[in-house]
C-alpha atoms as a PDB file:
ATOM      1  CA  MET A   1      73.495 -45.858  -2.765  1.00  0.00           C
ATOM      2  CA  THR A   2      73.310 -49.620  -2.335  1.00  0.00           C
ATOM      3  CA  ASP A   3      75.392 -50.752  -5.315  1.00  0.00           C
ATOM      4  CA  ARG A   4      78.695 -50.789  -3.461  1.00  0.00           C
ATOM      5  CA  ILE A   5      80.268 -52.755  -0.686  1.00  0.00           C
ATOM      6  CA  LEU A   6      81.389 -50.776   2.331  1.00  0.00           C
ATOM      7  CA  ASP A   7      83.705 -51.964   5.083  1.00  0.00           C
ATOM      8  CA  LEU A   8      81.649 -51.585   8.265  1.00  0.00           C
ATOM      9  CA  GLY A   9      84.779 -52.155  10.361  1.00  0.00           C
ATOM     10  CA  PRO A  10      85.839 -48.523  10.858  1.00  0.00           C
ATOM     11  CA  GLN A  11      82.353 -47.383  11.944  1.00  0.00           C
ATOM     12  CA  ALA A  12      81.827 -50.476  14.099  1.00  0.00           C
ATOM     13  CA  ARG A  13      85.112 -49.742  15.898  1.00  0.00           C
ATOM     14  CA  ILE A  14      84.043 -46.135  16.473  1.00  0.00           C
ATOM     15  CA  VAL A  15      80.777 -47.310  18.047  1.00  0.00           C
ATOM     16  CA  ALA A  16      82.635 -49.862  20.192  1.00  0.00           C
ATOM     17  CA  SER A  17      84.998 -47.115  21.363  1.00  0.00           C
ATOM     18  CA  LEU A  18      82.068 -44.858  22.290  1.00  0.00           C
ATOM     19  CA  ALA A  19      80.503 -47.716  24.253  1.00  0.00           C
ATOM     20  CA  ALA A  20      83.783 -48.282  26.082  1.00  0.00           C
ATOM     21  CA  GLY A  21      83.818 -44.574  26.978  1.00  0.00           C
ATOM     22  CA  ALA A  22      80.385 -44.698  28.604  1.00  0.00           C
ATOM     23  CA  THR A  23      80.752 -44.711  32.373  1.00  0.00           C
ATOM     24  CA  ASP A  24      78.593 -46.775  34.687  1.00  0.00           C
ATOM     25  CA  GLU A  25      77.172 -43.508  36.054  1.00  0.00           C
ATOM     26  CA  GLN A  26      75.965 -42.540  32.560  1.00  0.00           C
ATOM     27  CA  LEU A  27      74.031 -45.756  31.894  1.00  0.00           C
ATOM     28  CA  ALA A  28      70.745 -44.394  33.258  1.00  0.00           C
ATOM     29  CA  GLY A  29      71.075 -41.101  31.358  1.00  0.00           C
ATOM     30  CA  ALA A  30      68.817 -39.890  28.563  1.00  0.00           C
ATOM     31  CA  THR A  31      69.565 -40.332  24.851  1.00  0.00           C
ATOM     32  CA  PRO A  32      68.131 -38.562  21.789  1.00  0.00           C
ATOM     33  CA  CYS A  33      65.669 -41.509  21.601  1.00  0.00           C
ATOM     34  CA  PRO A  34      63.160 -40.465  24.289  1.00  0.00           C
ATOM     35  CA  GLU A  35      62.189 -44.061  25.087  1.00  0.00           C
ATOM     36  CA  LEU A  36      65.776 -45.289  25.507  1.00  0.00           C
ATOM     37  CA  ALA A  37      68.260 -44.568  28.286  1.00  0.00           C
ATOM     38  CA  VAL A  38      71.962 -45.142  27.591  1.00  0.00           C
ATOM     39  CA  HIS A  39      71.798 -48.738  28.851  1.00  0.00           C
ATOM     40  CA  ASN A  40      68.863 -49.396  26.497  1.00  0.00           C
ATOM     41  CA  MET A  41      70.753 -47.842  23.563  1.00  0.00           C
ATOM     42  CA  LEU A  42      73.740 -50.078  24.312  1.00  0.00           C
ATOM     43  CA  GLY A  43      71.428 -53.102  24.438  1.00  0.00           C
ATOM     44  CA  HIS A  44      69.916 -52.032  21.120  1.00  0.00           C
ATOM     45  CA  LEU A  45      73.373 -51.755  19.565  1.00  0.00           C
ATOM     46  CA  ILE A  46      74.276 -55.271  20.699  1.00  0.00           C
ATOM     47  CA  GLY A  47      70.998 -56.647  19.373  1.00  0.00           C
ATOM     48  CA  LEU A  48      71.129 -54.869  16.037  1.00  0.00           C
ATOM     49  CA  ALA A  49      74.759 -55.889  15.515  1.00  0.00           C
ATOM     50  CA  ALA A  50      73.826 -59.537  16.076  1.00  0.00           C
ATOM     51  CA  ALA A  51      70.790 -59.255  13.796  1.00  0.00           C
ATOM     52  CA  PHE A  52      72.687 -57.607  10.955  1.00  0.00           C
ATOM     53  CA  ARG A  53      75.655 -59.953  11.443  1.00  0.00           C
ATOM     54  CA  ASP A  54      73.297 -62.853  10.864  1.00  0.00           C
ATOM     55  CA  ALA A  55      71.514 -61.044   8.022  1.00  0.00           C
ATOM     56  CA  GLY A  56      74.884 -60.593   6.310  1.00  0.00           C
ATOM     57  CA  ARG A  57      75.674 -64.276   6.788  1.00  0.00           C
ATOM     58  CA  LYS A  58      72.150 -65.171   5.550  1.00  0.00           C
ATOM     59  CA  ASP A  59      71.812 -67.102   8.815  1.00  0.00           C
ATOM     60  CA  LEU A  60      68.125 -66.367   9.269  1.00  0.00           C
ATOM     61  CA  GLY A  61      66.406 -67.158  12.544  1.00  0.00           C
ATOM     62  CA  PRO A  62      65.518 -65.582  15.891  1.00  0.00           C
ATOM     63  CA  THR A  63      67.984 -62.674  15.613  1.00  0.00           C
ATOM     64  CA  THR A  64      66.789 -61.689  12.132  1.00  0.00           C
ATOM     65  CA  ASP A  65      63.086 -62.405  12.672  1.00  0.00           C
ATOM     66  CA  THR A  66      62.543 -60.251  15.762  1.00  0.00           C
ATOM     67  CA  SER A  67      61.157 -56.747  15.297  1.00  0.00           C
ATOM     68  CA  PRO A  68      63.298 -54.082  16.975  1.00  0.00           C
ATOM     69  CA  THR A  69      60.127 -52.704  18.579  1.00  0.00           C
ATOM     70  CA  SER A  70      59.079 -56.021  20.142  1.00  0.00           C
ATOM     71  CA  ALA A  71      60.737 -55.181  23.481  1.00  0.00           C
ATOM     72  CA  VAL A  72      62.785 -52.423  25.088  1.00  0.00           C
ATOM     73  CA  PRO A  73      66.410 -53.559  24.737  1.00  0.00           C
ATOM     74  CA  ASP A  74      68.778 -53.623  27.658  1.00  0.00           C
ATOM     75  CA  ILE A  75      72.289 -54.685  28.549  1.00  0.00           C
ATOM     76  CA  GLU A  76      73.218 -57.819  30.439  1.00  0.00           C
ATOM     77  CA  PRO A  77      76.241 -58.566  32.623  1.00  0.00           C
ATOM     78  CA  GLY A  78      79.318 -58.799  30.406  1.00  0.00           C
ATOM     79  CA  TRP A  79      78.044 -56.262  27.897  1.00  0.00           C
ATOM     80  CA  ARG A  80      81.377 -54.423  27.851  1.00  0.00           C
ATOM     81  CA  GLU A  81      83.018 -57.549  26.405  1.00  0.00           C
ATOM     82  CA  ALA A  82      80.036 -58.577  24.258  1.00  0.00           C
ATOM     83  CA  LEU A  83      79.583 -55.285  22.397  1.00  0.00           C
ATOM     84  CA  PRO A  84      83.027 -54.983  20.744  1.00  0.00           C
ATOM     85  CA  LYS A  85      82.960 -58.707  19.926  1.00  0.00           C
ATOM     86  CA  VAL A  86      79.612 -58.550  18.133  1.00  0.00           C
ATOM     87  CA  MET A  87      80.663 -55.334  16.360  1.00  0.00           C
ATOM     88  CA  ASP A  88      83.732 -57.153  14.984  1.00  0.00           C
ATOM     89  CA  GLU A  89      81.536 -60.064  13.893  1.00  0.00           C
ATOM     90  CA  LEU A  90      79.130 -57.661  12.179  1.00  0.00           C
ATOM     91  CA  ALA A  91      81.940 -56.022  10.223  1.00  0.00           C
ATOM     92  CA  GLU A  92      83.424 -59.387   9.250  1.00  0.00           C
ATOM     93  CA  ALA A  93      80.082 -60.689   7.958  1.00  0.00           C
ATOM     94  CA  TRP A  94      79.661 -57.688   5.643  1.00  0.00           C
ATOM     95  CA  ARG A  95      83.200 -57.969   4.236  1.00  0.00           C
ATOM     96  CA  ASP A  96      81.925 -60.949   2.266  1.00  0.00           C
ATOM     97  CA  PRO A  97      80.595 -59.661  -1.092  1.00  0.00           C
ATOM     98  CA  ALA A  98      77.827 -62.286  -0.885  1.00  0.00           C
ATOM     99  CA  ALA A  99      76.323 -60.389   2.060  1.00  0.00           C
ATOM    100  CA  TRP A 100      75.451 -57.535  -0.302  1.00  0.00           C
ATOM    101  CA  THR A 101      73.693 -59.763  -2.865  1.00  0.00           C
ATOM    102  CA  GLY A 102      70.478 -61.730  -2.948  1.00  0.00           C
ATOM    103  CA  GLU A 103      67.815 -61.484  -0.286  1.00  0.00           C
ATOM    104  CA  THR A 104      68.085 -61.518   3.497  1.00  0.00           C
ATOM    105  CA  ARG A 105      66.051 -60.537   6.546  1.00  0.00           C
ATOM    106  CA  ALA A 106      66.462 -58.131   9.449  1.00  0.00           C
ATOM    107  CA  GLY A 107      63.935 -56.997  12.022  1.00  0.00           C
ATOM    108  CA  GLY A 108      61.477 -59.503  10.600  1.00  0.00           C
ATOM    109  CA  VAL A 109      61.543 -57.772   7.196  1.00  0.00           C
ATOM    110  CA  ASP A 110      62.776 -59.411   3.993  1.00  0.00           C
ATOM    111  CA  LEU A 111      64.971 -57.091   1.955  1.00  0.00           C
ATOM    112  CA  PRO A 112      67.785 -57.130  -0.613  1.00  0.00           C
ATOM    113  CA  GLY A 113      71.254 -57.695   0.837  1.00  0.00           C
ATOM    114  CA  ALA A 114      72.464 -54.314  -0.413  1.00  0.00           C
ATOM    115  CA  VAL A 115      69.605 -52.533   1.358  1.00  0.00           C
ATOM    116  CA  ALA A 116      70.247 -54.484   4.571  1.00  0.00           C
ATOM    117  CA  GLY A 117      73.893 -53.430   4.398  1.00  0.00           C
ATOM    118  CA  ALA A 118      72.903 -49.778   4.001  1.00  0.00           C
ATOM    119  CA  VAL A 119      70.485 -50.065   6.935  1.00  0.00           C
ATOM    120  CA  ALA A 120      73.239 -51.578   9.092  1.00  0.00           C
ATOM    121  CA  VAL A 121      75.574 -48.709   8.204  1.00  0.00           C
ATOM    122  CA  ASP A 122      72.875 -46.152   8.945  1.00  0.00           C
ATOM    123  CA  GLU A 123      72.103 -47.745  12.316  1.00  0.00           C
ATOM    124  CA  LEU A 124      75.775 -47.577  13.296  1.00  0.00           C
ATOM    125  CA  VAL A 125      76.145 -43.946  12.215  1.00  0.00           C
ATOM    126  CA  VAL A 126      72.942 -42.620  13.786  1.00  0.00           C
ATOM    127  CA  HIS A 127      73.151 -44.619  17.001  1.00  0.00           C
ATOM    128  CA  GLY A 128      76.836 -43.767  17.282  1.00  0.00           C
ATOM    129  CA  TRP A 129      75.749 -40.122  17.318  1.00  0.00           C
ATOM    130  CA  ASP A 130      73.026 -40.927  19.872  1.00  0.00           C
ATOM    131  CA  LEU A 131      75.544 -42.592  22.166  1.00  0.00           C
ATOM    132  CA  ALA A 132      78.152 -39.859  21.772  1.00  0.00           C
ATOM    133  CA  ARG A 133      75.635 -37.115  22.520  1.00  0.00           C
ATOM    134  CA  ALA A 134      74.192 -38.944  25.507  1.00  0.00           C
ATOM    135  CA  THR A 135      77.622 -39.545  27.058  1.00  0.00           C
ATOM    136  CA  GLY A 136      79.301 -36.244  26.145  1.00  0.00           C
ATOM    137  CA  GLN A 137      81.902 -37.797  23.830  1.00  0.00           C
ATOM    138  CA  GLU A 138      83.345 -36.415  20.620  1.00  0.00           C
ATOM    139  CA  TYR A 139      81.988 -38.109  17.511  1.00  0.00           C
ATOM    140  CA  GLU A 140      83.481 -38.266  14.068  1.00  0.00           C
ATOM    141  CA  PRO A 141      81.921 -41.106  12.102  1.00  0.00           C
ATOM    142  CA  ASP A 142      83.761 -42.955   9.372  1.00  0.00           C
ATOM    143  CA  ALA A 143      83.487 -40.710   6.291  1.00  0.00           C
ATOM    144  CA  ALA A 144      82.372 -43.465   3.907  1.00  0.00           C
ATOM    145  CA  ALA A 145      79.789 -44.748   6.395  1.00  0.00           C
ATOM    146  CA  LEU A 146      78.460 -41.228   6.951  1.00  0.00           C
ATOM    147  CA  GLN A 147      78.094 -40.693   3.201  1.00  0.00           C
ATOM    148  CA  MET A 148      76.195 -43.978   2.780  1.00  0.00           C
ATOM    149  CA  SER A 149      73.991 -43.185   5.783  1.00  0.00           C
ATOM    150  CA  TYR A 150      73.188 -39.721   4.427  1.00  0.00           C
ATOM    151  CA  GLN A 151      72.279 -41.071   0.981  1.00  0.00           C
ATOM    152  CA  PHE A 152      70.114 -43.782   2.540  1.00  0.00           C
ATOM    153  CA  LEU A 153      68.297 -41.315   4.811  1.00  0.00           C
ATOM    154  CA  LEU A 154      67.851 -38.802   1.983  1.00  0.00           C
ATOM    155  CA  ALA A 155      66.310 -41.422  -0.308  1.00  0.00           C
ATOM    156  CA  SER A 156      63.981 -42.521   2.495  1.00  0.00           C
ATOM    157  CA  ALA A 157      62.934 -38.954   3.306  1.00  0.00           C
ATOM    158  CA  GLU A 158      62.181 -38.279  -0.376  1.00  0.00           C
ATOM    159  CA  ASP A 159      60.124 -41.472  -0.773  1.00  0.00           C
ATOM    160  CA  PRO A 160      56.486 -40.317  -0.986  1.00  0.00           C
ATOM    161  CA  THR A 161      55.245 -43.646   0.389  1.00  0.00           C
ATOM    162  CA  ARG A 162      57.131 -43.107   3.676  1.00  0.00           C
ATOM    163  CA  GLY A 163      55.911 -39.620   4.520  1.00  0.00           C
ATOM    164  CA  GLY A 164      59.216 -38.472   6.010  1.00  0.00           C
ATOM    165  CA  GLY A 165      62.187 -39.876   7.844  1.00  0.00           C
ATOM    166  CA  ILE A 166      62.770 -43.417   8.991  1.00  0.00           C
ATOM    167  CA  PHE A 167      62.994 -42.684  12.715  1.00  0.00           C
ATOM    168  CA  GLY A 168      60.600 -39.739  12.849  1.00  0.00           C
ATOM    169  CA  PRO A 169      59.682 -36.520  11.049  1.00  0.00           C
ATOM    170  CA  VAL A 170      62.664 -34.896   9.344  1.00  0.00           C
ATOM    171  CA  VAL A 171      64.172 -32.034  11.351  1.00  0.00           C
ATOM    172  CA  PRO A 172      65.057 -29.175   8.966  1.00  0.00           C
ATOM    173  CA  VAL A 173      68.802 -28.458   8.850  1.00  0.00           C
ATOM    174  CA  PRO A 174      70.463 -25.766   6.684  1.00  0.00           C
ATOM    175  CA  ASP A 175      71.997 -27.006   3.419  1.00  0.00           C
ATOM    176  CA  GLU A 176      75.359 -25.558   4.472  1.00  0.00           C
ATOM    177  CA  ALA A 177      75.409 -27.494   7.756  1.00  0.00           C
ATOM    178  CA  PRO A 178      77.975 -30.281   8.185  1.00  0.00           C
ATOM    179  CA  LEU A 179      77.010 -33.570   6.540  1.00  0.00           C
ATOM    180  CA  LEU A 180      76.604 -35.277   9.924  1.00  0.00           C
ATOM    181  CA  ASP A 181      74.091 -32.642  11.062  1.00  0.00           C
ATOM    182  CA  ARG A 182      72.142 -33.031   7.807  1.00  0.00           C
ATOM    183  CA  ALA A 183      72.069 -36.813   8.198  1.00  0.00           C
ATOM    184  CA  ILE A 184      70.948 -36.531  11.818  1.00  0.00           C
ATOM    185  CA  GLY A 185      68.174 -34.127  10.792  1.00  0.00           C
ATOM    186  CA  LEU A 186      67.020 -36.578   8.119  1.00  0.00           C
ATOM    187  CA  SER A 187      66.894 -39.284  10.793  1.00  0.00           C
ATOM    188  CA  GLY A 188      64.320 -37.233  12.712  1.00  0.00           C
ATOM    189  CA  ARG A 189      66.699 -35.985  15.388  1.00  0.00           C
ATOM    190  CA  ASP A 190      67.694 -32.456  16.334  1.00  0.00           C
ATOM    191  CA  PRO A 191      71.454 -32.070  15.697  1.00  0.00           C
ATOM    192  CA  GLY A 192      71.569 -29.651  18.649  1.00  0.00           C
ATOM    193  CA  TRP A 193      70.204 -32.204  21.132  1.00  0.00           C
ATOM    194  CA  LYS A 194      71.885 -32.273  24.552  1.00  0.00           C
ATOM    195  CA  PRO A 195      71.054 -34.336  27.637  1.00  0.00           C
END
């Protein structure tokens, strides 16, 4: 799962496109994360992109040391320009093979570079789905990113020390369901969620 380098660029561009498609009227709307409205999800995406950009660069500091649960994220003025920029920077950082080696930190947790890369991919895939669902947009994640996200979520769900999914209890999804639905179920979300 974590022994290969993946170009985060295609999935980062998909997320940036979904963000661009969110209207101002939708910013206060609900997302599949009960505690986050659309504007909070967008703020989370900006923050996680900066944190994982810096984790990939091994530029450890405030962005990599802060727990994602330390505060409810939000957008600031200029977010429509900031989000695609930081997504591009995230993808560029992880194009360097060195990002996937050694140790790094994200969310205040030290972890191998390859694991941090897989987490970054998973965040983009799952939160891309969150954003698409919340704003009524079509969503087709990058195939390679979806595969890595699914493998990462499956390994986490099967880890007896975790007791289930990363984001919440696994939601059962039929084996014959599309891969995206199975990944979303493993993330603790209901693939049928609607606002």
